[in-house]
Amino acid sequence: MRERGQKKVRQGVVVSDRMQNTVVVVVTRQVLHPRYHKYIRRRSRFMAHDASNACKVGDRVEIIECRPLSKNKRWRVIRVVEKAA
């Protein structure tokens, strides 16, 4: 039997928790500019499934790739790394 590929894991900050069982997570990364060789910030917004509604705005969370759960949701919250102050 063939081994399945590893699922992607990302860490980000919750920016919206207004939906039921869903949070919007912003993942920031730094990439090197090809010409100027300076690091610039890029960010991606992911809708993630939060079954327990435990995440609040400002929390740092870890999300993992999963099957499509709705039109825009393809990620699940694994754990809350740090609660908002």
N, C-alpha and C. Protein backbone atom coordinates (compact mmCIF):
# COMPACT_ATOMS: atom_id res chain seq x y z
N MET A 1 0.83 -1.19 0.00
CA MET A 1 0.00 0.00 0.00
C MET A 1 0.88 1.25 0.00
N ARG A 2 0.47 2.26 -0.76
CA ARG A 2 1.26 3.48 -0.89
C ARG A 2 1.07 4.40 0.31
N GLU A 3 2.16 5.01 0.76
CA GLU A 3 2.13 5.94 1.88
C GLU A 3 1.51 7.26 1.42
N ARG A 4 0.62 7.82 2.23
CA ARG A 4 0.04 9.12 1.89
C ARG A 4 1.00 10.23 2.22
N GLY A 5 0.90 11.34 1.51
CA GLY A 5 1.78 12.49 1.76
C GLY A 5 1.47 13.15 3.09
N GLN A 6 2.42 13.91 3.58
CA GLN A 6 2.23 14.62 4.85
C GLN A 6 1.28 15.79 4.62
N LYS A 7 0.40 16.03 5.58
CA LYS A 7 -0.50 17.17 5.49
C LYS A 7 0.23 18.42 5.95
N LYS A 8 -0.11 19.55 5.34
CA LYS A 8 0.54 20.80 5.69
C LYS A 8 0.04 21.30 7.04
N VAL A 9 0.96 21.83 7.82
CA VAL A 9 0.62 22.41 9.13
C VAL A 9 1.11 23.85 9.12
N ARG A 10 0.27 24.77 9.54
CA ARG A 10 0.63 26.19 9.58
C ARG A 10 0.28 26.76 10.94
N GLN A 11 0.95 27.86 11.30
CA GLN A 11 0.66 28.55 12.55
C GLN A 11 0.28 29.98 12.22
N GLY A 12 -0.79 30.48 12.81
CA GLY A 12 -1.24 31.83 12.50
C GLY A 12 -2.07 32.41 13.62
N VAL A 13 -2.62 33.59 13.36
CA VAL A 13 -3.38 34.34 14.35
C VAL A 13 -4.83 34.43 13.89
N VAL A 14 -5.77 34.21 14.82
CA VAL A 14 -7.19 34.28 14.51
C VAL A 14 -7.59 35.76 14.38
N VAL A 15 -8.19 36.10 13.24
CA VAL A 15 -8.62 37.49 13.03
C VAL A 15 -10.14 37.63 13.03
N SER A 16 -10.87 36.51 12.93
CA SER A 16 -12.33 36.56 12.98
C SER A 16 -12.87 35.26 13.55
N ASP A 17 -13.85 35.39 14.45
CA ASP A 17 -14.51 34.20 15.01
C ASP A 17 -16.03 34.38 14.99
N ARG A 18 -16.52 35.14 14.05
CA ARG A 18 -17.94 35.48 14.01
C ARG A 18 -18.83 34.35 13.47
N MET A 19 -18.25 33.38 12.78
CA MET A 19 -19.05 32.29 12.22
C MET A 19 -19.15 31.13 13.21
N GLN A 20 -20.14 30.29 13.01
CA GLN A 20 -20.28 29.11 13.85
C GLN A 20 -19.26 28.06 13.40
N ASN A 21 -18.50 27.54 14.35
CA ASN A 21 -17.53 26.47 14.10
C ASN A 21 -16.45 26.83 13.08
N THR A 22 -16.25 28.11 12.80
CA THR A 22 -15.26 28.53 11.81
C THR A 22 -14.51 29.74 12.32
N VAL A 23 -13.20 29.75 12.09
CA VAL A 23 -12.38 30.92 12.39
C VAL A 23 -11.57 31.27 11.15
N VAL A 24 -11.22 32.55 11.02
CA VAL A 24 -10.35 32.98 9.93
C VAL A 24 -8.97 33.19 10.53
N VAL A 25 -7.98 32.51 9.97
CA VAL A 25 -6.61 32.53 10.49
C VAL A 25 -5.70 33.19 9.46
N VAL A 26 -4.91 34.17 9.89
CA VAL A 26 -3.94 34.82 9.02
C VAL A 26 -2.57 34.22 9.30
N VAL A 27 -1.95 33.68 8.25
CA VAL A 27 -0.62 33.09 8.35
C VAL A 27 0.35 34.04 7.64
N THR A 28 1.34 34.53 8.38
CA THR A 28 2.33 35.45 7.82
C THR A 28 3.63 34.70 7.57
N ARG A 29 4.25 34.96 6.43
CA ARG A 29 5.53 34.35 6.10
C ARG A 29 6.42 35.42 5.49
N GLN A 30 7.72 35.19 5.53
CA GLN A 30 8.67 36.12 4.93
C GLN A 30 9.31 35.46 3.72
N VAL A 31 9.33 36.18 2.60
CA VAL A 31 9.95 35.67 1.38
C VAL A 31 11.02 36.65 0.93
N LEU A 32 12.03 36.13 0.29
CA LEU A 32 13.12 36.95 -0.21
C LEU A 32 12.75 37.52 -1.57
N HIS A 33 12.86 38.83 -1.72
CA HIS A 33 12.56 39.46 -3.00
C HIS A 33 13.63 39.04 -4.02
N PRO A 34 13.21 38.59 -5.21
CA PRO A 34 14.18 38.04 -6.15
C PRO A 34 15.23 39.05 -6.63
N ARG A 35 14.85 40.30 -6.79
CA ARG A 35 15.80 41.27 -7.30
C ARG A 35 16.51 42.03 -6.18
N TYR A 36 15.76 42.50 -5.19
CA TYR A 36 16.33 43.39 -4.18
C TYR A 36 16.89 42.66 -2.97
N HIS A 37 16.66 41.38 -2.87
CA HIS A 37 17.21 40.54 -1.80
C HIS A 37 16.88 41.07 -0.42
N LYS A 38 15.67 41.59 -0.29
CA LYS A 38 15.18 42.00 1.03
C LYS A 38 14.01 41.08 1.36
N TYR A 39 13.82 40.83 2.64
CA TYR A 39 12.69 40.01 3.06
C TYR A 39 11.44 40.86 3.11
N ILE A 40 10.37 40.35 2.49
CA ILE A 40 9.09 41.04 2.53
C ILE A 40 8.05 40.11 3.11
N ARG A 41 7.05 40.68 3.76
CA ARG A 41 6.02 39.87 4.42
C ARG A 41 4.89 39.56 3.45
N ARG A 42 4.50 38.32 3.43
CA ARG A 42 3.33 37.87 2.68
C ARG A 42 2.38 37.24 3.67
N ARG A 43 1.07 37.38 3.43
CA ARG A 43 0.13 36.76 4.35
C ARG A 43 -0.98 36.05 3.58
N SER A 44 -1.48 34.99 4.18
CA SER A 44 -2.57 34.22 3.60
C SER A 44 -3.66 34.10 4.65
N ARG A 45 -4.90 34.14 4.19
CA ARG A 45 -6.05 33.98 5.10
C ARG A 45 -6.67 32.61 4.84
N PHE A 46 -6.82 31.84 5.90
CA PHE A 46 -7.43 30.52 5.78
C PHE A 46 -8.66 30.45 6.66
N MET A 47 -9.72 29.83 6.14
CA MET A 47 -10.87 29.53 6.97
C MET A 47 -10.64 28.14 7.55
N ALA A 48 -10.73 28.05 8.87
CA ALA A 48 -10.43 26.78 9.54
C ALA A 48 -11.60 26.35 10.41
N HIS A 49 -11.80 25.04 10.49
CA HIS A 49 -12.89 24.47 11.28
C HIS A 49 -12.50 24.40 12.75
N ASP A 50 -13.32 24.98 13.60
CA ASP A 50 -13.09 24.98 15.05
C ASP A 50 -14.34 24.40 15.70
N ALA A 51 -14.38 23.08 15.85
CA ALA A 51 -15.58 22.38 16.29
C ALA A 51 -16.04 22.81 17.68
N SER A 52 -15.10 23.13 18.56
CA SER A 52 -15.47 23.46 19.95
C SER A 52 -15.70 24.95 20.18
N ASN A 53 -15.52 25.77 19.16
CA ASN A 53 -15.64 27.23 19.28
C ASN A 53 -14.75 27.77 20.39
N ALA A 54 -13.55 27.22 20.54
CA ALA A 54 -12.64 27.61 21.62
C ALA A 54 -11.78 28.81 21.25
N CYS A 55 -11.58 29.06 19.97
CA CYS A 55 -10.67 30.12 19.53
C CYS A 55 -11.35 31.48 19.56
N LYS A 56 -10.60 32.47 20.00
CA LYS A 56 -11.07 33.86 20.01
C LYS A 56 -10.11 34.70 19.20
N VAL A 57 -10.52 35.92 18.87
CA VAL A 57 -9.68 36.83 18.08
C VAL A 57 -8.39 37.12 18.84
N GLY A 58 -7.27 37.01 18.13
CA GLY A 58 -5.97 37.27 18.74
C GLY A 58 -5.23 36.02 19.19
N ASP A 59 -5.91 34.89 19.26
CA ASP A 59 -5.26 33.64 19.65
C ASP A 59 -4.30 33.18 18.56
N ARG A 60 -3.16 32.62 18.96
CA ARG A 60 -2.23 31.99 18.01
C ARG A 60 -2.60 30.51 17.97
N VAL A 61 -2.91 30.00 16.77
CA VAL A 61 -3.37 28.62 16.62
C VAL A 61 -2.54 27.88 15.58
N GLU A 62 -2.63 26.56 15.65
CA GLU A 62 -2.00 25.70 14.66
C GLU A 62 -3.11 25.04 13.87
N ILE A 63 -3.01 25.09 12.52
CA ILE A 63 -4.03 24.50 11.67
C ILE A 63 -3.40 23.45 10.77
N ILE A 64 -4.22 22.48 10.36
CA ILE A 64 -3.75 21.39 9.50
C ILE A 64 -4.69 21.25 8.31
N GLU A 65 -4.12 20.86 7.19
CA GLU A 65 -4.86 20.65 5.96
C GLU A 65 -5.82 19.47 6.15
N CYS A 66 -7.00 19.54 5.52
CA CYS A 66 -7.93 18.42 5.58
C CYS A 66 -8.80 18.41 4.33
N ARG A 67 -9.74 17.50 4.27
CA ARG A 67 -10.64 17.42 3.12
C ARG A 67 -11.52 18.66 3.09
N PRO A 68 -12.12 18.98 1.95
CA PRO A 68 -13.01 20.14 1.90
C PRO A 68 -14.21 19.97 2.82
N LEU A 69 -14.40 20.93 3.72
CA LEU A 69 -15.51 20.88 4.67
C LEU A 69 -16.67 21.76 4.21
N SER A 70 -16.37 22.76 3.40
CA SER A 70 -17.39 23.61 2.81
C SER A 70 -16.77 24.28 1.58
N LYS A 71 -17.44 25.30 1.05
CA LYS A 71 -16.93 25.96 -0.15
C LYS A 71 -15.53 26.51 0.06
N ASN A 72 -15.25 27.11 1.22
CA ASN A 72 -13.96 27.76 1.46
C ASN A 72 -13.11 27.10 2.54
N LYS A 73 -13.67 26.16 3.29
CA LYS A 73 -12.94 25.56 4.42
C LYS A 73 -12.20 24.30 4.02
N ARG A 74 -10.86 24.35 4.14
CA ARG A 74 -10.02 23.17 3.86
C ARG A 74 -9.00 22.95 4.96
N TRP A 75 -9.16 23.60 6.10
CA TRP A 75 -8.23 23.50 7.21
C TRP A 75 -8.99 23.26 8.50
N ARG A 76 -8.32 22.65 9.49
CA ARG A 76 -8.88 22.38 10.81
C ARG A 76 -7.94 22.92 11.86
N VAL A 77 -8.49 23.41 12.97
CA VAL A 77 -7.66 23.88 14.08
C VAL A 77 -7.21 22.66 14.87
N ILE A 78 -5.88 22.50 15.05
CA ILE A 78 -5.36 21.40 15.84
C ILE A 78 -5.34 21.80 17.31
N ARG A 79 -4.72 22.95 17.59
CA ARG A 79 -4.58 23.37 18.99
C ARG A 79 -4.38 24.88 19.06
N VAL A 80 -4.68 25.41 20.24
CA VAL A 80 -4.42 26.82 20.52
C VAL A 80 -3.02 26.89 21.15
N VAL A 81 -2.10 27.55 20.45
CA VAL A 81 -0.72 27.63 20.92
C VAL A 81 -0.62 28.66 22.04
N GLU A 82 -1.29 29.80 21.85
CA GLU A 82 -1.21 30.90 22.83
C GLU A 82 -2.52 31.66 22.82
N LYS A 83 -3.09 31.88 24.01
CA LYS A 83 -4.33 32.64 24.12
C LYS A 83 -4.04 34.13 24.00
N ALA A 84 -5.03 34.89 23.53
CA ALA A 84 -4.88 36.34 23.41
C ALA A 84 -4.79 36.97 24.79
N ALA A 85 -4.01 38.03 24.89
CA ALA A 85 -3.84 38.70 26.19
C ALA A 85 -5.08 39.46 26.60
